[in-house]
Amino acid sequence: MKPTPVFLAFAAVLSSTLAAPAPASPPEKRANPQGVDISHYQGTVNFNTLKSNGLSFVYIKATEGTTYTDPMFSTNYDGATSAGLIRGAYHFAHPDTSSGAVQANAPSGNECYGLSASAMVSWIKDFSNTYHSSVGVYPVIYTTTDWWTSCTGNSASFASTNPLWIARYSSSIGTLPAGWSYTTFWQYADSGANPGDQDEFNGSAQGLKNLALG
């Protein structure tokens, strides 16, 4: 994901179920596990290298709008699984093209997509509730504080249900959207030592595993 004027995406809860044994090295016992989010733009990614570099998790682009599926999603997901990384998928939302329910079920400008704040809140609820009905958990909301304030009227309606993934390329997270007292993930840079955007989990390695296990 890249910070443009449009900031709304949804990420699935991470998964730690492995299709192949994890590398023999023990898990890191430190706070704030590091990760990345990637898409086909990063090309071929060596997930074993990410693991050896100390990363714990990766979010992988799966879908956008109602018609686009990232061509590298399956390859990236399988690669992350084989390397023993905790991984999840994300959907880049297009509230101007269809309802939230349609995009929650999909294969899977104006900065607010032409929607009023109340209409945007309704759209996000439509997506979030449809996803919850299907999967049993609420999706992670990825946004910036500026976009959330402008396009939802700084709604506090989701803080009690949806984990927050804040994007802010700075040395500190800054003010969070209304209702959230902390962020679950922080995207703090769009490049770094590892491919993709650079992310941090707000908690311990065990907390990340607990999130992945639901």
N, C-alpha and C. Protein backbone atom coordinates (compact mmCIF):
# COMPACT_ATOMS: atom_id res chain seq x y z
N MET A 1 0.84 -1.19 0.00
CA MET A 1 0.00 0.00 0.00
C MET A 1 0.87 1.24 0.00
N LYS A 2 0.41 2.28 -0.67
CA LYS A 2 1.15 3.53 -0.72
C LYS A 2 0.29 4.67 -0.22
N PRO A 3 0.87 5.65 0.48
CA PRO A 3 0.09 6.76 1.00
C PRO A 3 -0.28 7.75 -0.08
N THR A 4 -1.49 7.67 -0.59
CA THR A 4 -2.05 8.62 -1.54
C THR A 4 -3.17 9.34 -0.81
N PRO A 5 -3.89 10.27 -1.45
CA PRO A 5 -5.01 10.90 -0.76
C PRO A 5 -6.08 9.92 -0.34
N VAL A 6 -6.12 8.73 -0.95
CA VAL A 6 -7.15 7.74 -0.63
C VAL A 6 -6.57 6.72 0.34
N PHE A 7 -7.19 6.61 1.50
CA PHE A 7 -6.65 5.73 2.52
C PHE A 7 -7.75 4.88 3.14
N LEU A 8 -8.10 3.80 2.51
CA LEU A 8 -9.03 2.87 3.12
C LEU A 8 -8.74 1.49 2.57
N ALA A 9 -8.36 0.60 3.43
CA ALA A 9 -8.14 -0.79 3.04
C ALA A 9 -8.52 -1.66 4.22
N PHE A 10 -8.78 -2.92 3.95
CA PHE A 10 -9.16 -3.86 4.99
C PHE A 10 -8.22 -5.05 4.94
N ALA A 11 -7.78 -5.50 6.11
CA ALA A 11 -6.87 -6.64 6.17
C ALA A 11 -7.50 -7.74 6.98
N ALA A 12 -7.32 -8.97 6.50
CA ALA A 12 -7.81 -10.12 7.24
C ALA A 12 -6.98 -10.31 8.50
N VAL A 13 -7.57 -10.99 9.48
CA VAL A 13 -6.79 -11.35 10.66
C VAL A 13 -5.68 -12.28 10.21
N LEU A 14 -4.51 -12.10 10.78
CA LEU A 14 -3.36 -12.92 10.41
C LEU A 14 -3.58 -14.38 10.75
N SER A 15 -2.83 -15.23 10.08
CA SER A 15 -2.90 -16.67 10.31
C SER A 15 -1.53 -17.21 10.63
N SER A 16 -1.46 -18.16 11.56
CA SER A 16 -0.17 -18.76 11.88
C SER A 16 -0.14 -20.24 11.58
N THR A 17 -1.18 -20.77 10.93
CA THR A 17 -1.18 -22.17 10.55
C THR A 17 -0.21 -22.37 9.41
N LEU A 18 0.74 -23.26 9.57
CA LEU A 18 1.80 -23.44 8.59
C LEU A 18 1.56 -24.67 7.73
N ALA A 19 1.87 -24.55 6.45
CA ALA A 19 1.76 -25.67 5.54
C ALA A 19 3.06 -26.47 5.51
N ALA A 20 4.12 -25.93 6.07
CA ALA A 20 5.41 -26.61 6.11
C ALA A 20 6.09 -26.23 7.41
N PRO A 21 7.00 -27.07 7.91
CA PRO A 21 7.66 -26.76 9.17
C PRO A 21 8.39 -25.43 9.10
N ALA A 22 8.35 -24.70 10.21
CA ALA A 22 9.07 -23.43 10.28
C ALA A 22 10.56 -23.70 10.41
N PRO A 23 11.41 -22.73 10.07
CA PRO A 23 12.85 -22.90 10.25
C PRO A 23 13.19 -23.25 11.69
N ALA A 24 14.34 -23.88 11.89
CA ALA A 24 14.69 -24.42 13.20
C ALA A 24 15.00 -23.34 14.22
N SER A 25 15.33 -22.13 13.80
CA SER A 25 15.70 -21.09 14.75
C SER A 25 14.52 -20.74 15.64
N PRO A 26 14.76 -20.49 16.94
CA PRO A 26 13.66 -20.17 17.86
C PRO A 26 13.06 -18.82 17.55
N PRO A 27 11.78 -18.60 17.90
CA PRO A 27 11.16 -17.29 17.65
C PRO A 27 11.80 -16.22 18.51
N GLU A 28 11.83 -15.00 17.97
CA GLU A 28 12.38 -13.89 18.73
C GLU A 28 11.48 -13.56 19.90
N LYS A 29 12.09 -13.27 21.03
CA LYS A 29 11.32 -12.91 22.21
C LYS A 29 11.56 -11.43 22.47
N ARG A 30 10.83 -10.61 21.71
CA ARG A 30 10.98 -9.17 21.86
C ARG A 30 9.64 -8.51 21.57
N ALA A 31 9.53 -7.27 22.01
CA ALA A 31 8.30 -6.53 21.76
C ALA A 31 8.32 -5.97 20.34
N ASN A 32 7.14 -5.57 19.86
CA ASN A 32 6.98 -4.90 18.58
C ASN A 32 7.58 -5.68 17.40
N PRO A 33 7.08 -6.88 17.13
CA PRO A 33 7.56 -7.64 15.97
C PRO A 33 7.44 -6.83 14.69
N GLN A 34 8.38 -7.00 13.79
CA GLN A 34 8.44 -6.25 12.54
C GLN A 34 7.86 -7.07 11.39
N GLY A 35 7.30 -6.38 10.41
CA GLY A 35 6.76 -7.05 9.24
C GLY A 35 6.73 -6.12 8.05
N VAL A 36 6.18 -6.59 6.94
CA VAL A 36 6.03 -5.79 5.73
C VAL A 36 4.67 -6.07 5.12
N ASP A 37 4.21 -5.18 4.25
CA ASP A 37 3.07 -5.50 3.39
C ASP A 37 3.52 -5.35 1.95
N ILE A 38 3.09 -6.29 1.12
CA ILE A 38 3.61 -6.38 -0.24
C ILE A 38 2.47 -6.65 -1.23
N SER A 39 2.80 -6.48 -2.51
CA SER A 39 1.91 -6.84 -3.61
C SER A 39 2.79 -7.28 -4.77
N HIS A 40 2.19 -7.43 -5.95
CA HIS A 40 2.98 -7.85 -7.11
C HIS A 40 4.03 -6.81 -7.49
N TYR A 41 3.87 -5.58 -7.02
CA TYR A 41 4.84 -4.53 -7.35
C TYR A 41 6.24 -4.86 -6.84
N GLN A 42 6.34 -5.68 -5.80
CA GLN A 42 7.65 -6.04 -5.27
C GLN A 42 8.31 -7.17 -6.06
N GLY A 43 7.58 -7.75 -7.02
CA GLY A 43 8.16 -8.85 -7.80
C GLY A 43 8.35 -10.09 -6.96
N THR A 44 9.38 -10.87 -7.25
CA THR A 44 9.64 -12.10 -6.50
C THR A 44 10.29 -11.76 -5.16
N VAL A 45 9.69 -12.25 -4.10
CA VAL A 45 10.18 -11.97 -2.75
C VAL A 45 10.75 -13.25 -2.15
N ASN A 46 11.92 -13.18 -1.56
CA ASN A 46 12.52 -14.32 -0.86
C ASN A 46 12.07 -14.27 0.59
N PHE A 47 11.07 -15.07 0.91
CA PHE A 47 10.50 -15.01 2.25
C PHE A 47 11.41 -15.63 3.30
N ASN A 48 12.26 -16.56 2.89
CA ASN A 48 13.24 -17.09 3.84
C ASN A 48 14.22 -16.00 4.28
N THR A 49 14.56 -15.11 3.35
CA THR A 49 15.42 -13.98 3.69
C THR A 49 14.71 -13.05 4.66
N LEU A 50 13.41 -12.78 4.43
CA LEU A 50 12.66 -11.94 5.36
C LEU A 50 12.67 -12.55 6.76
N LYS A 51 12.48 -13.86 6.81
CA LYS A 51 12.50 -14.55 8.10
C LYS A 51 13.85 -14.43 8.77
N SER A 52 14.93 -14.65 8.00
CA SER A 52 16.27 -14.56 8.58
C SER A 52 16.64 -13.13 8.95
N ASN A 53 15.98 -12.15 8.33
CA ASN A 53 16.20 -10.75 8.68
C ASN A 53 15.48 -10.35 9.96
N GLY A 54 14.72 -11.28 10.53
CA GLY A 54 14.06 -11.01 11.80
C GLY A 54 12.61 -10.60 11.70
N LEU A 55 12.03 -10.62 10.48
CA LEU A 55 10.62 -10.27 10.36
C LEU A 55 9.74 -11.39 10.90
N SER A 56 8.58 -10.99 11.42
CA SER A 56 7.66 -11.96 12.01
C SER A 56 6.39 -12.15 11.20
N PHE A 57 5.98 -11.12 10.42
CA PHE A 57 4.71 -11.21 9.73
C PHE A 57 4.77 -10.50 8.38
N VAL A 58 3.81 -10.83 7.52
CA VAL A 58 3.69 -10.17 6.22
C VAL A 58 2.22 -10.10 5.84
N TYR A 59 1.79 -8.94 5.39
CA TYR A 59 0.46 -8.78 4.80
C TYR A 59 0.62 -8.73 3.29
N ILE A 60 -0.25 -9.45 2.58
CA ILE A 60 -0.12 -9.65 1.14
C ILE A 60 -1.39 -9.16 0.45
N LYS A 61 -1.22 -8.33 -0.58
CA LYS A 61 -2.39 -7.84 -1.30
C LYS A 61 -3.09 -8.99 -2.00
N ALA A 62 -4.41 -9.06 -1.80
CA ALA A 62 -5.21 -10.10 -2.43
C ALA A 62 -6.11 -9.52 -3.52
N THR A 63 -6.87 -8.48 -3.17
CA THR A 63 -7.88 -7.96 -4.09
C THR A 63 -7.98 -6.45 -3.99
N GLU A 64 -8.64 -5.85 -5.00
CA GLU A 64 -8.90 -4.41 -5.03
C GLU A 64 -10.23 -4.20 -5.73
N GLY A 65 -11.10 -3.39 -5.11
CA GLY A 65 -12.41 -3.19 -5.71
C GLY A 65 -13.17 -4.50 -5.83
N THR A 66 -13.87 -4.68 -6.96
CA THR A 66 -14.65 -5.91 -7.17
C THR A 66 -14.10 -6.80 -8.27
N THR A 67 -13.10 -6.31 -9.01
CA THR A 67 -12.68 -7.05 -10.19
C THR A 67 -11.21 -7.46 -10.20
N TYR A 68 -10.40 -6.89 -9.32
CA TYR A 68 -8.96 -7.12 -9.42
C TYR A 68 -8.46 -8.10 -8.37
N THR A 69 -7.74 -9.10 -8.80
CA THR A 69 -7.04 -10.02 -7.91
C THR A 69 -5.55 -9.92 -8.18
N ASP A 70 -4.76 -9.70 -7.16
CA ASP A 70 -3.32 -9.56 -7.35
C ASP A 70 -2.75 -10.88 -7.89
N PRO A 71 -2.04 -10.83 -9.03
CA PRO A 71 -1.56 -12.07 -9.67
C PRO A 71 -0.51 -12.81 -8.85
N MET A 72 0.12 -12.14 -7.89
CA MET A 72 1.15 -12.79 -7.09
C MET A 72 0.64 -13.27 -5.74
N PHE A 73 -0.66 -13.10 -5.48
CA PHE A 73 -1.15 -13.40 -4.14
C PHE A 73 -0.87 -14.84 -3.71
N SER A 74 -1.27 -15.80 -4.52
CA SER A 74 -1.10 -17.21 -4.14
C SER A 74 0.37 -17.57 -3.95
N THR A 75 1.20 -17.10 -4.88
CA THR A 75 2.64 -17.37 -4.78
C THR A 75 3.22 -16.76 -3.52
N ASN A 76 2.85 -15.51 -3.25
CA ASN A 76 3.37 -14.84 -2.05
C ASN A 76 2.86 -15.49 -0.77
N TYR A 77 1.59 -15.85 -0.75
CA TYR A 77 1.01 -16.45 0.46
C TYR A 77 1.67 -17.80 0.75
N ASP A 78 1.84 -18.61 -0.30
CA ASP A 78 2.48 -19.91 -0.12
C ASP A 78 3.93 -19.75 0.32
N GLY A 79 4.62 -18.77 -0.26
CA GLY A 79 6.01 -18.54 0.11
C GLY A 79 6.15 -18.11 1.55
N ALA A 80 5.26 -17.23 2.00
CA ALA A 80 5.30 -16.77 3.39
C ALA A 80 4.99 -17.92 4.35
N THR A 81 4.05 -18.75 3.95
CA THR A 81 3.68 -19.91 4.77
C THR A 81 4.86 -20.86 4.92
N SER A 82 5.50 -21.19 3.80
CA SER A 82 6.62 -22.12 3.82
C SER A 82 7.80 -21.61 4.65
N ALA A 83 7.96 -20.29 4.67
CA ALA A 83 9.06 -19.69 5.43
C ALA A 83 8.77 -19.60 6.92
N GLY A 84 7.53 -19.89 7.31
CA GLY A 84 7.18 -19.84 8.73
C GLY A 84 6.80 -18.46 9.22
N LEU A 85 6.42 -17.57 8.30
CA LEU A 85 5.99 -16.24 8.69
C LEU A 85 4.50 -16.23 9.01
N ILE A 86 4.09 -15.47 10.00
CA ILE A 86 2.68 -15.21 10.21
C ILE A 86 2.22 -14.30 9.08
N ARG A 87 1.08 -14.61 8.45
CA ARG A 87 0.70 -13.87 7.25
C ARG A 87 -0.79 -13.63 7.19
N GLY A 88 -1.13 -12.59 6.42
CA GLY A 88 -2.52 -12.24 6.22
C GLY A 88 -2.69 -11.58 4.86
N ALA A 89 -3.94 -11.37 4.47
CA ALA A 89 -4.25 -10.76 3.17
C ALA A 89 -4.91 -9.41 3.39
N TYR A 90 -4.77 -8.52 2.38
CA TYR A 90 -5.49 -7.26 2.48
C TYR A 90 -6.24 -6.94 1.19
N HIS A 91 -7.36 -6.24 1.36
CA HIS A 91 -8.21 -5.80 0.25
C HIS A 91 -8.15 -4.29 0.19
N PHE A 92 -7.85 -3.72 -0.99
CA PHE A 92 -7.85 -2.27 -1.16
C PHE A 92 -9.25 -1.85 -1.60
N ALA A 93 -9.90 -1.05 -0.76
CA ALA A 93 -11.30 -0.71 -0.96
C ALA A 93 -11.49 0.37 -2.02
N HIS A 94 -12.62 0.28 -2.74
CA HIS A 94 -13.06 1.33 -3.67
C HIS A 94 -14.53 1.64 -3.36
N PRO A 95 -14.78 2.49 -2.37
CA PRO A 95 -16.16 2.78 -1.99
C PRO A 95 -16.97 3.47 -3.08
N ASP A 96 -16.33 3.91 -4.16
CA ASP A 96 -17.06 4.59 -5.23
C ASP A 96 -17.60 3.64 -6.29
N THR A 97 -17.28 2.35 -6.20
CA THR A 97 -17.66 1.44 -7.28
C THR A 97 -18.75 0.45 -6.90
N SER A 98 -18.93 0.16 -5.62
CA SER A 98 -19.96 -0.80 -5.21
C SER A 98 -20.15 -0.70 -3.71
N SER A 99 -21.12 -1.46 -3.20
CA SER A 99 -21.39 -1.46 -1.77
C SER A 99 -20.28 -2.18 -1.02
N GLY A 100 -20.23 -1.94 0.30
CA GLY A 100 -19.26 -2.64 1.12
C GLY A 100 -19.49 -4.14 1.12
N ALA A 101 -20.76 -4.55 1.14
CA ALA A 101 -21.06 -5.99 1.13
C ALA A 101 -20.56 -6.65 -0.13
N VAL A 102 -20.74 -5.99 -1.27
CA VAL A 102 -20.28 -6.56 -2.53
C VAL A 102 -18.77 -6.74 -2.51
N GLN A 103 -18.03 -5.75 -2.02
CA GLN A 103 -16.57 -5.87 -2.01
C GLN A 103 -16.08 -6.84 -0.94
N ALA A 104 -16.83 -6.99 0.14
CA ALA A 104 -16.44 -7.97 1.14
C ALA A 104 -16.58 -9.39 0.59
N ASN A 105 -17.48 -9.57 -0.37
CA ASN A 105 -17.69 -10.88 -0.98
C ASN A 105 -16.99 -11.01 -2.31
N ALA A 106 -16.30 -9.96 -2.76
CA ALA A 106 -15.69 -9.96 -4.09
C ALA A 106 -14.49 -10.87 -4.13
N PRO A 107 -14.09 -11.31 -5.40
CA PRO A 107 -12.79 -11.98 -5.51
C PRO A 107 -11.81 -11.04 -4.88
N SER A 108 -12.11 -11.92 -3.94
CA SER A 108 -11.67 -10.90 -3.06
C SER A 108 -10.31 -10.29 -3.30
N GLY A 109 -8.99 12.65 -8.68
CA GLY A 109 -9.94 12.27 -7.88
C GLY A 109 -10.23 12.99 -6.60
N ASN A 110 -11.41 12.28 -6.18
CA ASN A 110 -11.99 12.73 -4.92
C ASN A 110 -11.51 11.83 -3.81
N GLU A 111 -10.85 12.42 -2.79
CA GLU A 111 -10.22 11.58 -1.78
C GLU A 111 -11.24 10.76 -1.00
N CYS A 112 -12.49 11.17 -0.98
CA CYS A 112 -13.51 10.43 -0.24
C CYS A 112 -14.44 9.67 -1.18
N TYR A 113 -13.99 9.48 -2.43
CA TYR A 113 -14.74 8.70 -3.41
C TYR A 113 -16.13 9.28 -3.68
N GLY A 114 -16.32 10.56 -3.43
CA GLY A 114 -17.60 11.20 -3.68
C GLY A 114 -18.66 10.93 -2.62
N LEU A 115 -18.28 10.31 -1.50
CA LEU A 115 -19.24 9.99 -0.44
C LEU A 115 -19.19 11.03 0.68
N SER A 116 -20.34 11.29 1.28
CA SER A 116 -20.38 12.11 2.48
C SER A 116 -19.80 11.31 3.64
N ALA A 117 -19.53 11.97 4.75
CA ALA A 117 -18.98 11.27 5.91
C ALA A 117 -19.93 10.18 6.40
N SER A 118 -21.22 10.49 6.47
CA SER A 118 -22.18 9.50 6.95
C SER A 118 -22.30 8.33 5.98
N ALA A 119 -22.24 8.62 4.69
CA ALA A 119 -22.30 7.54 3.69
C ALA A 119 -21.05 6.67 3.76
N MET A 120 -19.91 7.29 4.01
CA MET A 120 -18.67 6.52 4.13
C MET A 120 -18.72 5.60 5.34
N VAL A 121 -19.20 6.10 6.46
CA VAL A 121 -19.33 5.27 7.66
C VAL A 121 -20.25 4.09 7.38
N SER A 122 -21.35 4.34 6.70
CA SER A 122 -22.29 3.27 6.36
C SER A 122 -21.63 2.24 5.45
N TRP A 123 -20.82 2.72 4.50
CA TRP A 123 -20.14 1.80 3.57
C TRP A 123 -19.16 0.92 4.33
N ILE A 124 -18.39 1.51 5.24
CA ILE A 124 -17.41 0.74 6.00
C ILE A 124 -18.12 -0.29 6.89
N LYS A 125 -19.24 0.12 7.50
CA LYS A 125 -20.01 -0.83 8.32
C LYS A 125 -20.53 -1.98 7.46
N ASP A 126 -20.97 -1.66 6.25
CA ASP A 126 -21.47 -2.67 5.32
C ASP A 126 -20.39 -3.70 5.02
N PHE A 127 -19.19 -3.22 4.71
CA PHE A 127 -18.07 -4.13 4.43
C PHE A 127 -17.70 -4.93 5.68
N SER A 128 -17.49 -4.22 6.79
CA SER A 128 -17.01 -4.85 8.01
C SER A 128 -17.98 -5.90 8.53
N ASN A 129 -19.27 -5.56 8.56
CA ASN A 129 -20.27 -6.50 9.08
C ASN A 129 -20.43 -7.71 8.17
N THR A 130 -20.35 -7.50 6.86
CA THR A 130 -20.45 -8.61 5.92
C THR A 130 -19.26 -9.55 6.09
N TYR A 131 -18.07 -8.98 6.24
CA TYR A 131 -16.87 -9.80 6.46
C TYR A 131 -16.99 -10.58 7.77
N HIS A 132 -17.47 -9.92 8.82
CA HIS A 132 -17.62 -10.57 10.12
C HIS A 132 -18.63 -11.72 10.04
N SER A 133 -19.70 -11.52 9.32
CA SER A 133 -20.71 -12.58 9.18
C SER A 133 -20.16 -13.79 8.46
N SER A 134 -19.24 -13.54 7.53
CA SER A 134 -18.67 -14.62 6.74
C SER A 134 -17.54 -15.34 7.44
N VAL A 135 -16.67 -14.59 8.12
CA VAL A 135 -15.44 -15.15 8.66
C VAL A 135 -15.47 -15.32 10.19
N GLY A 136 -16.26 -14.50 10.86
CA GLY A 136 -16.36 -14.60 12.31
C GLY A 136 -15.50 -13.62 13.08
N VAL A 137 -14.71 -12.83 12.38
CA VAL A 137 -13.90 -11.77 13.01
C VAL A 137 -14.04 -10.50 12.18
N TYR A 138 -13.77 -9.37 12.80
CA TYR A 138 -13.83 -8.10 12.09
C TYR A 138 -12.49 -7.82 11.41
N PRO A 139 -12.52 -7.22 10.22
CA PRO A 139 -11.26 -6.93 9.53
C PRO A 139 -10.50 -5.79 10.18
N VAL A 140 -9.20 -5.79 9.96
CA VAL A 140 -8.35 -4.68 10.38
C VAL A 140 -8.59 -3.51 9.42
N ILE A 141 -8.75 -2.31 9.94
CA ILE A 141 -8.93 -1.12 9.10
C ILE A 141 -7.59 -0.41 8.96
N TYR A 142 -7.17 -0.21 7.71
CA TYR A 142 -5.94 0.51 7.39
C TYR A 142 -6.30 1.91 6.90
N THR A 143 -5.73 2.93 7.52
CA THR A 143 -6.07 4.29 7.14
C THR A 143 -5.02 5.26 7.69
N THR A 144 -5.20 6.55 7.41
CA THR A 144 -4.45 7.59 8.10
C THR A 144 -5.43 8.41 8.91
N THR A 145 -4.91 9.10 9.92
CA THR A 145 -5.78 9.94 10.74
C THR A 145 -6.38 11.07 9.91
N ASP A 146 -5.61 11.65 9.01
CA ASP A 146 -6.12 12.74 8.18
C ASP A 146 -7.28 12.27 7.30
N TRP A 147 -7.09 11.13 6.62
CA TRP A 147 -8.15 10.63 5.75
C TRP A 147 -9.39 10.29 6.57
N TRP A 148 -9.19 9.61 7.70
CA TRP A 148 -10.32 9.20 8.52
C TRP A 148 -11.10 10.41 9.02
N THR A 149 -10.39 11.44 9.40
CA THR A 149 -11.05 12.66 9.89
C THR A 149 -11.84 13.33 8.77
N SER A 150 -11.24 13.43 7.59
CA SER A 150 -11.89 14.09 6.46
C SER A 150 -13.08 13.30 5.92
N CYS A 151 -12.94 12.00 5.83
CA CYS A 151 -13.91 11.22 5.07
C CYS A 151 -14.92 10.45 5.90
N THR A 152 -14.69 10.31 7.21
CA THR A 152 -15.71 9.69 8.07
C THR A 152 -16.20 10.65 9.13
N GLY A 153 -15.68 11.91 9.11
CA GLY A 153 -16.03 12.84 10.18
C GLY A 153 -15.38 12.44 11.49
N ASN A 154 -14.28 11.67 11.40
CA ASN A 154 -13.57 11.13 12.56
C ASN A 154 -14.49 10.25 13.41
N SER A 155 -15.17 9.33 12.73
CA SER A 155 -16.09 8.42 13.40
C SER A 155 -15.37 7.53 14.42
N ALA A 156 -16.03 7.36 15.57
CA ALA A 156 -15.52 6.45 16.61
C ALA A 156 -16.29 5.13 16.62
N SER A 157 -17.02 4.86 15.55
CA SER A 157 -17.93 3.71 15.53
C SER A 157 -17.25 2.36 15.41
N PHE A 158 -15.96 2.32 15.08
CA PHE A 158 -15.32 1.04 14.78
C PHE A 158 -14.25 0.64 15.80
N ALA A 159 -13.96 1.51 16.73
CA ALA A 159 -12.85 1.28 17.64
C ALA A 159 -13.06 0.07 18.54
N SER A 160 -14.31 -0.26 18.84
CA SER A 160 -14.57 -1.37 19.76
C SER A 160 -14.58 -2.72 19.05
N THR A 161 -14.56 -2.72 17.72
CA THR A 161 -14.65 -3.98 16.99
C THR A 161 -13.46 -4.23 16.06
N ASN A 162 -12.97 -3.21 15.39
CA ASN A 162 -11.96 -3.40 14.34
C ASN A 162 -10.57 -2.96 14.80
N PRO A 163 -9.58 -3.84 14.70
CA PRO A 163 -8.21 -3.41 14.96
C PRO A 163 -7.81 -2.31 13.97
N LEU A 164 -6.92 -1.44 14.39
CA LEU A 164 -6.48 -0.33 13.57
C LEU A 164 -5.07 -0.55 13.04
N TRP A 165 -4.89 -0.25 11.75
CA TRP A 165 -3.56 -0.27 11.11
C TRP A 165 -3.35 1.15 10.59
N ILE A 166 -2.53 1.91 11.28
CA ILE A 166 -2.35 3.31 10.93
C ILE A 166 -1.12 3.48 10.03
N ALA A 167 -1.24 4.34 9.04
CA ALA A 167 -0.11 4.67 8.16
C ALA A 167 0.36 6.07 8.51
N ARG A 168 1.59 6.19 8.95
CA ARG A 168 2.19 7.51 9.20
C ARG A 168 3.69 7.36 9.10
N TYR A 169 4.26 7.99 8.07
CA TYR A 169 5.68 7.89 7.81
C TYR A 169 6.42 8.96 8.60
N SER A 170 6.72 8.62 9.82
CA SER A 170 7.33 9.57 10.75
C SER A 170 8.02 8.79 11.85
N SER A 171 8.67 9.50 12.76
CA SER A 171 9.33 8.85 13.88
C SER A 171 8.36 8.51 15.00
N SER A 172 7.13 9.00 14.91
CA SER A 172 6.11 8.68 15.91
C SER A 172 4.76 8.53 15.23
N ILE A 173 3.85 7.84 15.89
CA ILE A 173 2.54 7.55 15.30
C ILE A 173 1.66 8.80 15.25
N GLY A 174 1.74 9.64 16.26
CA GLY A 174 0.92 10.83 16.30
C GLY A 174 -0.50 10.55 16.77
N THR A 175 -1.40 11.47 16.52
CA THR A 175 -2.79 11.35 16.95
C THR A 175 -3.50 10.27 16.16
N LEU A 176 -4.25 9.43 16.87
CA LEU A 176 -5.01 8.36 16.22
C LEU A 176 -6.44 8.81 15.94
N PRO A 177 -7.13 8.13 15.02
CA PRO A 177 -8.54 8.44 14.78
C PRO A 177 -9.37 8.25 16.05
N ALA A 178 -10.53 8.87 16.07
CA ALA A 178 -11.40 8.86 17.25
C ALA A 178 -11.75 7.44 17.69
N GLY A 179 -11.74 7.24 19.01
CA GLY A 179 -12.18 5.97 19.57
C GLY A 179 -11.04 5.00 19.85
N TRP A 180 -10.04 4.99 18.98
CA TRP A 180 -8.91 4.08 19.18
C TRP A 180 -7.89 4.70 20.13
N SER A 181 -7.56 3.98 21.19
CA SER A 181 -6.54 4.46 22.12
C SER A 181 -5.16 3.94 21.76
N TYR A 182 -5.11 2.98 20.86
CA TYR A 182 -3.83 2.45 20.38
C TYR A 182 -4.04 1.85 19.00
N THR A 183 -2.94 1.67 18.27
CA THR A 183 -3.00 1.02 16.97
C THR A 183 -2.42 -0.38 17.08
N THR A 184 -2.98 -1.31 16.33
CA THR A 184 -2.47 -2.69 16.34
C THR A 184 -1.25 -2.81 15.43
N PHE A 185 -1.30 -2.16 14.27
CA PHE A 185 -0.17 -2.13 13.35
C PHE A 185 0.16 -0.68 13.00
N TRP A 186 1.43 -0.43 12.76
CA TRP A 186 1.88 0.89 12.32
C TRP A 186 2.74 0.71 11.07
N GLN A 187 2.27 1.30 9.96
CA GLN A 187 3.09 1.34 8.74
C GLN A 187 3.90 2.62 8.82
N TYR A 188 5.20 2.48 9.08
CA TYR A 188 6.01 3.65 9.39
C TYR A 188 6.91 4.10 8.25
N ALA A 189 7.00 3.34 7.16
CA ALA A 189 7.83 3.74 6.02
C ALA A 189 7.37 2.98 4.78
N ASP A 190 7.60 3.59 3.60
CA ASP A 190 7.23 2.91 2.36
C ASP A 190 8.41 2.19 1.72
N SER A 191 9.55 2.20 2.38
CA SER A 191 10.70 1.43 1.90
C SER A 191 11.65 1.23 3.07
N GLY A 192 12.54 0.27 2.91
CA GLY A 192 13.48 -0.01 3.98
C GLY A 192 14.37 -1.17 3.62
N ALA A 193 14.88 -1.85 4.63
CA ALA A 193 15.80 -2.95 4.41
C ALA A 193 15.14 -4.14 3.74
N ASN A 194 13.84 -4.27 3.88
CA ASN A 194 13.09 -5.38 3.28
C ASN A 194 12.11 -4.85 2.25
N PRO A 195 11.73 -5.69 1.27
CA PRO A 195 10.82 -5.22 0.22
C PRO A 195 9.45 -4.84 0.77
N GLY A 196 8.80 -3.88 0.13
CA GLY A 196 7.46 -3.48 0.52
C GLY A 196 7.47 -2.39 1.57
N ASP A 197 6.27 -2.06 2.05
CA ASP A 197 6.12 -1.08 3.12
C ASP A 197 6.55 -1.70 4.45
N GLN A 198 7.08 -0.88 5.33
CA GLN A 198 7.64 -1.37 6.60
C GLN A 198 6.60 -1.21 7.71
N ASP A 199 6.37 -2.29 8.45
CA ASP A 199 5.30 -2.32 9.45
C ASP A 199 5.81 -2.82 10.79
N GLU A 200 5.07 -2.45 11.82
CA GLU A 200 5.40 -2.88 13.18
C GLU A 200 4.12 -3.27 13.90
N PHE A 201 4.15 -4.39 14.63
CA PHE A 201 3.03 -4.82 15.46
C PHE A 201 3.19 -4.22 16.84
N ASN A 202 2.12 -3.69 17.38
CA ASN A 202 2.15 -3.04 18.68
C ASN A 202 1.93 -4.08 19.78
N GLY A 203 2.99 -4.74 20.19
CA GLY A 203 2.88 -5.75 21.22
C GLY A 203 4.04 -6.72 21.15
N SER A 204 3.87 -7.84 21.79
CA SER A 204 4.92 -8.85 21.87
C SER A 204 4.77 -9.87 20.76
N ALA A 205 5.78 -10.72 20.61
CA ALA A 205 5.69 -11.82 19.64
C ALA A 205 4.53 -12.73 19.99
N GLN A 206 4.30 -12.97 21.28
CA GLN A 206 3.18 -13.83 21.68
C GLN A 206 1.85 -13.15 21.37
N GLY A 207 1.80 -11.83 21.54
CA GLY A 207 0.56 -11.11 21.22
C GLY A 207 0.24 -11.21 19.74
N LEU A 208 1.26 -11.17 18.88
CA LEU A 208 1.04 -11.33 17.45
C LEU A 208 0.51 -12.72 17.15
N LYS A 209 1.07 -13.74 17.80
CA LYS A 209 0.57 -15.10 17.61
C LYS A 209 -0.87 -15.22 18.09
N ASN A 210 -1.19 -14.59 19.22
CA ASN A 210 -2.55 -14.66 19.73
C ASN A 210 -3.55 -14.05 18.76
N LEU A 211 -3.16 -12.92 18.13
CA LEU A 211 -4.02 -12.30 17.13
C LEU A 211 -4.22 -13.25 15.95
N ALA A 212 -3.13 -13.90 15.53
CA ALA A 212 -3.21 -14.80 14.40
C ALA A 212 -4.08 -16.01 14.69
N LEU A 213 -4.14 -16.41 15.94
CA LEU A 213 -4.95 -17.58 16.34
C LEU A 213 -6.38 -17.19 16.67
N GLY A 214 -6.69 -15.89 16.56
CA GLY A 214 -8.06 -15.44 16.81
C GLY A 214 -8.39 -15.28 18.27
